[in-house]
Protein backbone atom coordinates (compact mmCIF):
# COMPACT_ATOMS: atom_id res chain seq x y z
CA MET A 1 -2.21 -7.56 26.92
CA LYS A 2 -4.02 -4.71 28.63
CA THR A 3 -7.70 -4.09 28.01
CA GLY A 4 -8.48 -1.51 25.37
CA GLU A 5 -5.03 -1.30 23.84
CA LYS A 6 -4.43 0.39 20.51
CA ILE A 7 -2.25 -2.05 18.62
CA GLY A 8 -0.56 -1.50 15.28
CA ILE A 9 0.10 -4.41 12.94
CA MET A 10 3.09 -4.54 10.62
CA GLY A 11 2.79 -7.64 8.48
CA GLY A 12 4.93 -8.84 5.61
CA THR A 13 7.59 -11.24 4.50
CA PHE A 14 10.35 -8.98 5.89
CA ASN A 15 12.74 -10.42 3.32
CA PRO A 16 14.65 -8.66 4.83
CA ILE A 17 13.24 -6.19 7.33
CA HIS A 18 14.73 -2.72 6.74
CA ASN A 19 14.79 0.80 8.11
CA GLY A 20 11.76 1.75 6.03
CA HIS A 21 9.66 -0.76 7.96
CA LEU A 22 10.93 0.67 11.25
CA ILE A 23 10.26 4.27 10.18
CA LEU A 24 6.73 3.35 9.12
CA ALA A 25 6.03 1.57 12.40
CA GLN A 26 7.52 4.41 14.44
CA THR A 27 5.49 7.01 12.54
CA ALA A 28 2.26 5.07 13.12
CA TYR A 29 3.13 4.61 16.79
CA ASP A 30 3.75 8.33 17.24
CA GLN A 31 0.92 9.78 15.14
CA LEU A 32 -1.79 7.36 16.26
CA HIS A 33 -0.63 7.16 19.89
CA LEU A 34 -0.49 3.37 19.77
CA ASP A 35 0.35 1.24 22.78
CA LYS A 36 2.49 -1.12 20.71
CA VAL A 37 3.18 -2.34 17.19
CA LEU A 38 3.21 -6.05 16.38
CA PHE A 39 5.65 -7.18 13.72
CA ILE A 40 4.18 -10.31 12.13
CA PRO A 41 6.45 -12.15 9.67
CA SER A 42 4.44 -14.20 7.21
CA GLY A 43 4.78 -17.95 7.12
CA ASN A 44 4.13 -19.51 3.75
CA SER A 45 3.45 -16.59 1.41
CA TYR A 46 1.03 -17.44 -1.38
CA MET A 47 1.72 -14.10 -3.11
CA LYS A 48 5.54 -14.15 -3.23
CA ARG A 49 8.08 -16.66 -4.41
CA ASN A 50 11.71 -17.24 -3.46
CA VAL A 51 11.20 -15.99 0.10
CA LEU A 52 13.85 -16.78 2.69
CA ASN A 53 12.89 -19.44 5.24
CA VAL A 54 10.75 -18.19 8.08
CA CYS A 55 13.25 -18.86 10.90
CA GLN A 56 15.84 -16.57 9.32
CA ARG A 57 13.27 -13.83 8.66
CA ILE A 58 12.04 -14.08 12.25
CA GLU A 59 15.58 -13.69 13.55
CA MET A 60 16.13 -10.56 11.45
CA VAL A 61 12.91 -9.02 12.77
CA ARG A 62 13.92 -9.89 16.33
CA LEU A 63 17.30 -8.24 15.88
CA ALA A 64 15.80 -5.16 14.22
CA ILE A 65 13.18 -4.37 16.88
CA ARG A 66 14.82 -5.42 20.12
CA GLN A 67 15.83 -1.87 21.04
CA TYR A 68 12.21 -0.67 20.80
CA PRO A 69 10.20 -1.58 23.94
CA TYR A 70 6.90 -0.84 22.16
CA PHE A 71 7.63 -3.08 19.15
CA GLU A 72 6.80 -6.76 19.58
CA LEU A 73 7.49 -9.84 17.49
CA SER A 74 4.45 -12.05 16.85
CA LEU A 75 4.73 -15.58 15.45
CA ILE A 76 1.00 -15.92 14.85
CA GLU A 77 1.46 -16.30 11.07
CA ALA A 78 4.86 -17.98 11.09
CA GLN A 79 3.48 -20.88 13.13
CA ARG A 80 0.39 -21.35 10.96
CA LEU A 81 0.41 -24.26 8.52
CA GLY A 82 -0.37 -23.52 4.91
CA ASN A 83 -1.02 -20.10 3.42
CA THR A 84 -1.40 -17.13 5.73
CA TYR A 85 -4.25 -14.67 5.25
CA THR A 86 -4.61 -11.28 6.92
CA TYR A 87 -8.26 -11.79 7.84
CA GLU A 88 -7.35 -15.00 9.72
CA THR A 89 -4.62 -13.21 11.63
CA LEU A 90 -7.00 -10.45 12.65
CA GLU A 91 -9.60 -13.00 13.73
CA GLU A 92 -7.04 -14.80 15.90
CA LEU A 93 -5.78 -11.56 17.44
CA THR A 94 -9.33 -10.47 18.17
CA ILE A 95 -10.05 -13.74 19.94
CA LEU A 96 -6.87 -13.32 22.02
CA ASN A 97 -7.70 -9.72 22.92
CA PRO A 98 -11.29 -8.80 22.01
CA ASN A 99 -11.09 -5.36 23.62
CA ALA A 100 -8.09 -4.16 21.63
CA LYS A 101 -8.40 -1.88 18.61
CA TYR A 102 -6.19 -2.98 15.74
CA TYR A 103 -4.57 -0.71 13.17
CA PHE A 104 -3.37 -2.48 10.04
CA ILE A 105 -0.39 -0.48 8.73
CA MET A 106 0.34 -0.64 5.02
CA GLY A 107 1.78 1.22 2.06
CA ALA A 108 -0.31 2.95 -0.58
CA ASP A 109 0.27 0.03 -2.97
CA SER A 110 -1.67 -2.27 -0.65
CA LEU A 111 -4.58 0.17 -0.58
CA PHE A 112 -5.00 -0.48 -4.31
CA GLN A 113 -4.61 -4.27 -3.90
CA ILE A 114 -6.57 -5.07 -0.75
CA GLU A 115 -9.84 -5.80 -2.53
CA GLN A 116 -8.10 -8.81 -4.12
CA TRP A 117 -7.10 -10.16 -0.70
CA ARG A 118 -9.00 -13.09 0.79
CA TYR A 119 -12.16 -11.89 2.58
CA SER A 120 -11.17 -8.22 2.53
CA GLN A 121 -14.51 -7.24 4.07
CA ARG A 122 -13.50 -9.12 7.22
CA ILE A 123 -10.30 -7.07 7.36
CA TYR A 124 -12.37 -3.89 7.27
CA GLN A 125 -14.54 -5.17 10.11
CA LEU A 126 -11.67 -6.10 12.40
CA SER A 127 -9.19 -3.25 11.89
CA THR A 128 -8.63 0.33 10.90
CA LEU A 129 -6.50 0.60 7.76
CA VAL A 130 -3.50 2.89 8.15
CA CYS A 131 -2.10 4.02 4.82
CA ALA A 132 1.38 5.46 4.38
CA ILE A 133 1.38 7.74 1.38
CA ARG A 134 4.27 6.86 -0.93
CA GLN A 135 5.83 9.08 -3.54
CA GLU A 136 4.87 6.95 -6.55
CA TYR A 137 1.19 7.63 -5.96
CA HIS A 138 -0.56 10.98 -6.24
CA LEU A 139 -2.43 12.00 -3.11
CA GLU A 140 -5.59 12.56 -5.15
CA SER A 141 -5.65 8.99 -6.48
CA ILE A 142 -4.95 7.57 -3.00
CA LYS A 143 -7.80 9.52 -1.43
CA ARG A 144 -10.09 8.49 -4.29
CA GLN A 145 -9.24 4.82 -3.74
CA GLY A 146 -9.67 5.29 0.00
CA ALA A 147 -13.12 6.80 -0.52
CA LEU A 148 -14.17 3.74 -2.54
CA LEU A 149 -13.04 1.44 0.27
CA VAL A 150 -14.84 3.54 2.87
CA GLN A 151 -18.04 3.03 0.88
CA LYS A 152 -17.42 -0.71 1.24
CA GLY A 153 -17.04 -0.50 5.01
CA ALA A 154 -13.38 0.33 5.56
CA ASP A 155 -12.13 2.83 8.14
CA ILE A 156 -8.95 4.48 6.83
CA LEU A 157 -6.37 6.79 8.38
CA TYR A 158 -3.48 8.37 6.46
CA LEU A 159 0.04 8.82 7.79
CA ASP A 160 2.12 11.90 7.19
CA ILE A 161 5.44 10.18 6.62
CA GLN A 162 8.84 11.07 5.25
CA LYS A 163 9.87 9.83 1.84
CA ILE A 164 11.33 6.34 2.12
CA GLU A 165 13.44 5.04 -0.73
CA ILE A 166 14.28 1.58 0.57
CA SER A 167 13.04 -1.76 -0.69
CA SER A 168 13.81 -5.33 0.25
CA THR A 169 14.35 -6.13 -3.43
CA ASP A 170 17.07 -3.48 -3.74
CA ILE A 171 18.73 -4.68 -0.54
CA ARG A 172 18.86 -8.27 -1.77
CA LYS A 173 20.36 -7.05 -5.04
CA LYS A 174 23.05 -5.08 -3.19
CA VAL A 175 23.94 -8.12 -1.09
CA LYS A 176 24.37 -10.23 -4.21
CA GLU A 177 26.57 -7.53 -5.73
CA LYS A 178 28.69 -7.38 -2.54
CA LEU A 179 27.64 -3.78 -1.86
CA PRO A 180 27.20 -2.40 1.68
CA ILE A 181 23.68 -2.30 3.11
CA SER A 182 24.31 -0.83 6.57
CA GLU A 183 22.51 2.43 5.70
CA TYR A 184 19.36 0.52 4.77
CA VAL A 185 19.00 -2.00 7.60
CA PRO A 186 19.92 -2.01 11.31
CA ILE A 187 23.56 -2.96 11.82
CA GLU A 188 22.54 -6.16 13.64
CA VAL A 189 20.55 -7.24 10.58
CA ALA A 190 23.38 -6.36 8.20
CA ASN A 191 25.78 -8.45 10.31
CA TYR A 192 23.37 -11.37 10.42
CA ILE A 193 22.88 -11.33 6.64
CA ARG A 194 26.64 -11.31 6.13
CA GLN A 195 27.38 -14.00 8.73
CA GLU A 196 24.70 -16.33 7.40
CA HIS A 197 25.50 -15.60 3.73
CA LEU A 198 21.89 -14.74 3.05
CA TYR A 199 20.83 -13.60 -0.43
CA ASP A 200 24.26 -14.36 -1.91
CA GLU A 201 22.57 -16.30 -4.69
CA GLU A 202 19.50 -14.09 -4.96
CA ASN A 203 18.05 -13.95 -8.47
């Protein structure tokens, strides 16, 4: 990595990755003038159950981002044993590239949850939070929550982003119901899900 890079972080289970993730990453890249965005699939998620195995989720991320030269797949969490925590990931990335500035990209829902995350203060110290404003939250309540986090040491930026009505849960449901998903995920991901019979038995 180059010295002084501005690096976005897109973390999550990516179960599966979808166009909403790509739009969010692209918007952050453009508006914040980032050098790259790391896509970091989680390993063992302690917050979610019934998550597809990590190798299949990694492959879907790889397929989804390969046409974007400024998007990069990171296995830093997938290769970690046990639960994965955001503060640990940021600590590892900072050790690898101490001169980089990290931007942790997340939806508005995470802004309201982050105080429950393990060692959230460490997250504030090691990254700038980048919040995508979603339609289910009022701007006033988001800014109010953001102000509370700023008082606790967080640095927060807000993205002006188009309305995204895509969720991994809905995609998995459509797959189970044998409905097309090509408008929600990159075609390579849709083909992979079909070929591997992923989510056919999703509950």
